[in-house]
PDB file of N, CA and C in Angstrom:
ATOM      1  N   MET A   1     189.359 -77.355-114.029  1.00  0.00           N
ATOM      2  CA  MET A   1     189.123 -77.772-112.624  1.00  0.00           C
ATOM      3  C   MET A   1     190.257 -76.142-112.259  1.00  0.00           C
ATOM      4  N   GLY A   2     191.626 -76.209-112.843  1.00  0.00           N
ATOM      5  CA  GLY A   2     192.358 -75.132-112.421  1.00  0.00           C
ATOM      6  C   GLY A   2     192.310 -74.462-110.832  1.00  0.00           C
ATOM      7  N   ASN A   3     191.431 -73.308-111.331  1.00  0.00           N
ATOM      8  CA  ASN A   3     191.741 -72.395-110.266  1.00  0.00           C
ATOM      9  C   ASN A   3     190.820 -72.032-109.091  1.00  0.00           C
ATOM     10  N   GLN A   4     190.436 -72.870-107.820  1.00  0.00           N
ATOM     11  CA  GLN A   4     189.628 -73.164-107.064  1.00  0.00           C
ATOM     12  C   GLN A   4     189.516 -72.393-106.329  1.00  0.00           C
ATOM     13  N   ALA A   5     188.684 -72.003-105.143  1.00  0.00           N
ATOM     14  CA  ALA A   5     188.616 -71.087-104.132  1.00  0.00           C
ATOM     15  C   ALA A   5     189.337 -71.633-103.080  1.00  0.00           C
ATOM     16  N   LYS A   6     189.418 -72.800-102.688  1.00  0.00           N
ATOM     17  CA  LYS A   6     189.856 -73.660-101.634  1.00  0.00           C
ATOM     18  C   LYS A   6     189.394 -73.162-100.642  1.00  0.00           C
ATOM     19  N   LEU A   7     188.258 -73.509-100.353  1.00  0.00           N
ATOM     20  CA  LEU A   7     187.587 -72.345 -99.195  1.00  0.00           C
ATOM     21  C   LEU A   7     188.019 -73.249 -97.860  1.00  0.00           C
ATOM     22  N   TRP A   8     188.341 -74.551 -97.625  1.00  0.00           N
ATOM     23  CA  TRP A   8     188.900 -74.851 -96.621  1.00  0.00           C
ATOM     24  C   TRP A   8     190.064 -74.179 -95.936  1.00  0.00           C
ATOM     25  N   ARG A   9     190.616 -73.504 -96.474  1.00  0.00           N
ATOM     26  CA  ARG A   9     191.876 -72.591 -96.126  1.00  0.00           C
ATOM     27  C   ARG A   9     191.314 -71.768 -95.494  1.00  0.00           C
ATOM     28  N   LYS A  10     190.001 -70.995 -95.132  1.00  0.00           N
ATOM     29  CA  LYS A  10     189.543 -69.228 -95.416  1.00  0.00           C
ATOM     30  C   LYS A  10     188.881 -70.095 -93.730  1.00  0.00           C
ATOM     31  N   TYR A  11     188.976 -71.117 -93.003  1.00  0.00           N
ATOM     32  CA  TYR A  11     188.363 -71.208 -91.979  1.00  0.00           C
ATOM     33  C   TYR A  11     189.322 -71.870 -91.054  1.00  0.00           C
ATOM     34  N   LYS A  12     188.903 -72.084 -89.901  1.00  0.00           N
ATOM     35  CA  LYS A  12     189.947 -72.386 -88.894  1.00  0.00           C
ATOM     36  C   LYS A  12     189.270 -72.797 -87.438  1.00  0.00           C
ATOM     37  N   ILE A  13     189.144 -74.142 -87.050  1.00  0.00           N
ATOM     38  CA  ILE A  13     188.363 -74.709 -86.266  1.00  0.00           C
ATOM     39  C   ILE A  13     189.200 -74.402 -85.075  1.00  0.00           C
ATOM     40  N   GLU A  14     189.075 -73.603 -83.708  1.00  0.00           N
ATOM     41  CA  GLU A  14     190.043 -73.806 -82.261  1.00  0.00           C
ATOM     42  C   GLU A  14     188.729 -73.713 -81.118  1.00  0.00           C
ATOM     43  N   ASN A  15     189.002 -74.563 -80.337  1.00  0.00           N
ATOM     44  CA  ASN A  15     188.128 -74.969 -79.200  1.00  0.00           C
ATOM     45  C   ASN A  15     186.887 -75.329 -79.586  1.00  0.00           C
ATOM     46  N   ASN A  16     186.526 -76.093 -80.589  1.00  0.00           N
ATOM     47  CA  ASN A  16     185.425 -76.721 -81.074  1.00  0.00           C
ATOM     48  C   ASN A  16     184.596 -75.218 -81.868  1.00  0.00           C
ATOM     49  N   VAL A  17     185.235 -74.237 -82.203  1.00  0.00           N
ATOM     50  CA  VAL A  17     184.470 -72.967 -82.552  1.00  0.00           C
ATOM     51  C   VAL A  17     185.082 -72.702 -84.126  1.00  0.00           C
ATOM     52  N   LEU A  18     183.997 -72.464 -84.883  1.00  0.00           N
ATOM     53  CA  LEU A  18     184.332 -72.268 -86.414  1.00  0.00           C
ATOM     54  C   LEU A  18     184.786 -70.905 -86.304  1.00  0.00           C
ATOM     55  N   ASN A  19     186.250 -70.003 -86.863  1.00  0.00           N
ATOM     56  CA  ASN A  19     186.528 -68.941 -87.148  1.00  0.00           C
ATOM     57  C   ASN A  19     186.750 -68.679 -88.470  1.00  0.00           C
ATOM     58  N   ARG A  20     185.868 -67.408 -88.749  1.00  0.00           N
ATOM     59  CA  ARG A  20     186.259 -67.237 -90.355  1.00  0.00           C
ATOM     60  C   ARG A  20     187.347 -66.420 -90.750  1.00  0.00           C
ATOM     61  N   LYS A  21     188.504 -66.485 -91.779  1.00  0.00           N
ATOM     62  CA  LYS A  21     189.765 -65.835 -92.114  1.00  0.00           C
ATOM     63  C   LYS A  21     189.164 -64.943 -93.291  1.00  0.00           C
ATOM     64  N   VAL A  22     187.981 -64.613 -93.760  1.00  0.00           N
ATOM     65  CA  VAL A  22     187.730 -64.283 -94.443  1.00  0.00           C
ATOM     66  C   VAL A  22     186.638 -62.915 -94.350  1.00  0.00           C
ATOM     67  N   VAL A  23     186.660 -62.012 -95.273  1.00  0.00           N
ATOM     68  CA  VAL A  23     185.916 -61.128 -95.399  1.00  0.00           C
ATOM     69  C   VAL A  23     184.430 -60.944 -96.088  1.00  0.00           C
ATOM     70  N   PHE A  24     183.580 -60.898 -95.688  1.00  0.00           N
ATOM     71  CA  PHE A  24     182.166 -60.888 -96.483  1.00  0.00           C
ATOM     72  C   PHE A  24     181.776 -59.431 -96.823  1.00  0.00           C
ATOM     73  N   CYS A  25     181.267 -59.412 -97.850  1.00  0.00           N
ATOM     74  CA  CYS A  25     180.692 -57.651 -99.038  1.00  0.00           C
ATOM     75  C   CYS A  25     180.101 -57.405 -97.691  1.00  0.00           C
ATOM     76  N   PRO A  26     179.730 -56.097 -97.425  1.00  0.00           N
ATOM     77  CA  PRO A  26     178.928 -55.461 -96.783  1.00  0.00           C
ATOM     78  C   PRO A  26     177.741 -55.073 -97.644  1.00  0.00           C
ATOM     79  N   ARG A  27     177.643 -54.959 -98.743  1.00  0.00           N
ATOM     80  CA  ARG A  27     176.665 -54.631 -99.888  1.00  0.00           C
ATOM     81  C   ARG A  27     175.747 -56.229 -99.916  1.00  0.00           C
ATOM     82  N   CYS A  28     176.325 -56.749-100.250  1.00  0.00           N
ATOM     83  CA  CYS A  28     176.031 -57.986-100.771  1.00  0.00           C
ATOM     84  C   CYS A  28     175.669 -59.073 -99.774  1.00  0.00           C
ATOM     85  N   GLY A  29     176.038 -59.051 -98.744  1.00  0.00           N
ATOM     86  CA  GLY A  29     175.980 -59.695 -97.202  1.00  0.00           C
ATOM     87  C   GLY A  29     176.904 -61.000 -96.808  1.00  0.00           C
ATOM     88  N   GLU A  30     176.513 -61.931 -96.161  1.00  0.00           N
ATOM     89  CA  GLU A  30     177.512 -63.096 -96.023  1.00  0.00           C
ATOM     90  C   GLU A  30     176.998 -64.417 -96.860  1.00  0.00           C
ATOM     91  N   GLY A  31     178.187 -64.744 -97.217  1.00  0.00           N
ATOM     92  CA  GLY A  31     177.829 -65.773 -98.301  1.00  0.00           C
ATOM     93  C   GLY A  31     178.630 -65.072 -99.903  1.00  0.00           C
ATOM     94  N   TYR A  32     178.999 -63.593 -99.357  1.00  0.00           N
ATOM     95  CA  TYR A  32     179.619 -63.264-100.610  1.00  0.00           C
ATOM     96  C   TYR A  32     181.000 -62.814-100.065  1.00  0.00           C
ATOM     97  N   VAL A  33     182.269 -63.638-100.348  1.00  0.00           N
ATOM     98  CA  VAL A  33     183.733 -63.633 -99.786  1.00  0.00           C
ATOM     99  C   VAL A  33     184.343 -62.748-100.951  1.00  0.00           C
ATOM    100  N   MET A  34     184.855 -61.946-100.036  1.00  0.00           N
ATOM    101  CA  MET A  34     185.538 -60.655-101.109  1.00  0.00           C
ATOM    102  C   MET A  34     186.953 -61.518-101.320  1.00  0.00           C
ATOM    103  N   ALA A  35     187.423 -60.852-102.411  1.00  0.00           N
ATOM    104  CA  ALA A  35     188.799 -61.058-102.588  1.00  0.00           C
ATOM    105  C   ALA A  35     189.803 -60.528-101.829  1.00  0.00           C
ATOM    106  N   GLU A  36     190.903 -61.135-101.558  1.00  0.00           N
ATOM    107  CA  GLU A  36     192.125 -60.381-100.866  1.00  0.00           C
ATOM    108  C   GLU A  36     193.093 -59.836-101.810  1.00  0.00           C
ATOM    109  N   HIS A  37     193.698 -58.858-102.053  1.00  0.00           N
ATOM    110  CA  HIS A  37     194.827 -58.342-102.780  1.00  0.00           C
ATOM    111  C   HIS A  37     195.782 -57.620-101.806  1.00  0.00           C
ATOM    112  N   PRO A  38     196.954 -57.436-102.001  1.00  0.00           N
ATOM    113  CA  PRO A  38     197.750 -56.857-101.009  1.00  0.00           C
ATOM    114  C   PRO A  38     197.513 -55.286-100.834  1.00  0.00           C
ATOM    115  N   ASP A  39     196.481 -54.526-101.315  1.00  0.00           N
ATOM    116  CA  ASP A  39     196.188 -53.385-100.997  1.00  0.00           C
ATOM    117  C   ASP A  39     194.748 -53.050-100.406  1.00  0.00           C
ATOM    118  N   ARG A  40     193.986 -53.888-100.905  1.00  0.00           N
ATOM    119  CA  ARG A  40     192.267 -53.923-100.869  1.00  0.00           C
ATOM    120  C   ARG A  40     191.737 -55.182-100.977  1.00  0.00           C
ATOM    121  N   PHE A  41     190.171 -55.082-100.289  1.00  0.00           N
ATOM    122  CA  PHE A  41     189.302 -56.281-100.440  1.00  0.00           C
ATOM    123  C   PHE A  41     188.585 -56.092-101.948  1.00  0.00           C
ATOM    124  N   TYR A  42     188.243 -57.048-102.478  1.00  0.00           N
ATOM    125  CA  TYR A  42     187.135 -56.629-103.762  1.00  0.00           C
ATOM    126  C   TYR A  42     186.260 -57.850-104.104  1.00  0.00           C
ATOM    127  N   CYS A  43     184.629 -57.449-103.892  1.00  0.00           N
ATOM    128  CA  CYS A  43     183.568 -57.821-104.297  1.00  0.00           C
ATOM    129  C   CYS A  43     183.683 -58.334-105.549  1.00  0.00           C
ATOM    130  N   GLY A  44     183.482 -59.649-106.077  1.00  0.00           N
ATOM    131  CA  GLY A  44     183.445 -59.551-107.889  1.00  0.00           C
ATOM    132  C   GLY A  44     181.865 -59.635-108.447  1.00  0.00           C
ATOM    133  N   ASN A  45     180.799 -59.770-106.859  1.00  0.00           N
ATOM    134  CA  ASN A  45     179.462 -59.613-107.221  1.00  0.00           C
ATOM    135  C   ASN A  45     179.044 -58.232-107.474  1.00  0.00           C
ATOM    136  N   CYS A  46     179.199 -57.673-106.509  1.00  0.00           N
ATOM    137  CA  CYS A  46     178.942 -56.474-106.884  1.00  0.00           C
ATOM    138  C   CYS A  46     179.609 -55.320-107.317  1.00  0.00           C
ATOM    139  N   HIS A  47     181.123 -55.374-107.273  1.00  0.00           N
ATOM    140  CA  HIS A  47     182.536 -54.510-107.563  1.00  0.00           C
ATOM    141  C   HIS A  47     182.769 -53.609-106.613  1.00  0.00           C
ATOM    142  N   PHE A  48     182.212 -53.847-105.279  1.00  0.00           N
ATOM    143  CA  PHE A  48     182.783 -52.963-103.991  1.00  0.00           C
ATOM    144  C   PHE A  48     183.975 -53.208-103.770  1.00  0.00           C
ATOM    145  N   THR A  49     184.887 -52.385-103.637  1.00  0.00           N
ATOM    146  CA  THR A  49     186.307 -52.278-102.970  1.00  0.00           C
ATOM    147  C   THR A  49     186.769 -51.375-101.677  1.00  0.00           C
ATOM    148  N   LYS A  50     186.851 -51.981-100.967  1.00  0.00           N
ATOM    149  CA  LYS A  50     187.783 -51.680 -99.421  1.00  0.00           C
ATOM    150  C   LYS A  50     188.688 -51.899 -99.490  1.00  0.00           C
ATOM    151  N   PHE A  51     189.654 -50.575 -99.440  1.00  0.00           N
ATOM    152  CA  PHE A  51     191.095 -50.248 -99.260  1.00  0.00           C
ATOM    153  C   PHE A  51     191.508 -50.683 -97.830  1.00  0.00           C
ATOM    154  N   LYS A  52     192.668 -51.787 -97.832  1.00  0.00           N
ATOM    155  CA  LYS A  52     193.223 -51.737 -96.631  1.00  0.00           C
ATOM    156  C   LYS A  52     193.983 -50.328 -95.874  1.00  0.00           C
ATOM    157  N   THR A  53     193.653 -50.218 -94.897  1.00  0.00           N
ATOM    158  CA  THR A  53     194.397 -49.122 -93.644  1.00  0.00           C
ATOM    159  C   THR A  53     195.725 -49.739 -93.586  1.00  0.00           C
ATOM    160  N   GLY A  54     196.870 -48.792 -93.539  1.00  0.00           N
ATOM    161  CA  GLY A  54     198.166 -49.064 -92.790  1.00  0.00           C
ATOM    162  C   GLY A  54     199.033 -48.582 -93.889  1.00  0.00           C
ATOM    163  N   GLU A  55     200.257 -48.463 -93.245  1.00  0.00           N
ATOM    164  CA  GLU A  55     201.468 -47.892 -93.839  1.00  0.00           C
ATOM    165  C   GLU A  55     201.868 -49.112 -95.121  1.00  0.00           C
ATOM    166  N   LYS A  56     202.007 -48.143 -96.067  1.00  0.00           N
ATOM    167  CA  LYS A  56     202.659 -49.200 -97.149  1.00  0.00           C
ATOM    168  C   LYS A  56     203.792 -49.369 -97.166  1.00  0.00           C
ATOM    169  N   LYS A  57     204.077 -50.659 -97.608  1.00  0.00           N
ATOM    170  CA  LYS A  57     205.372 -51.389 -97.236  1.00  0.00           C
ATOM    171  C   LYS A  57     206.472 -50.862 -98.448  1.00  0.00           C
ATOM    172  N   GLU A  58     207.652 -50.973 -99.006  1.00  0.00           N
ATOM    173  CA  GLU A  58     208.181 -50.251 -99.873  1.00  0.00           C
ATOM    174  C   GLU A  58     209.564 -51.307 -99.982  1.00  0.00           C
TER     175      GLU A  58
END
């Protein structure tokens, strides 16, 4: 069982509206959640990488 996705942490209900805290893959479509790394988002299905923009923390 070890390392599961824990999808309940990736959604939040506010004012009876479901808000997603995840980024979906633009190539694969909704349902394919991209993994969040410190500097990028990564899709394990199609291997698409989207880099985060902004200042680097040192």
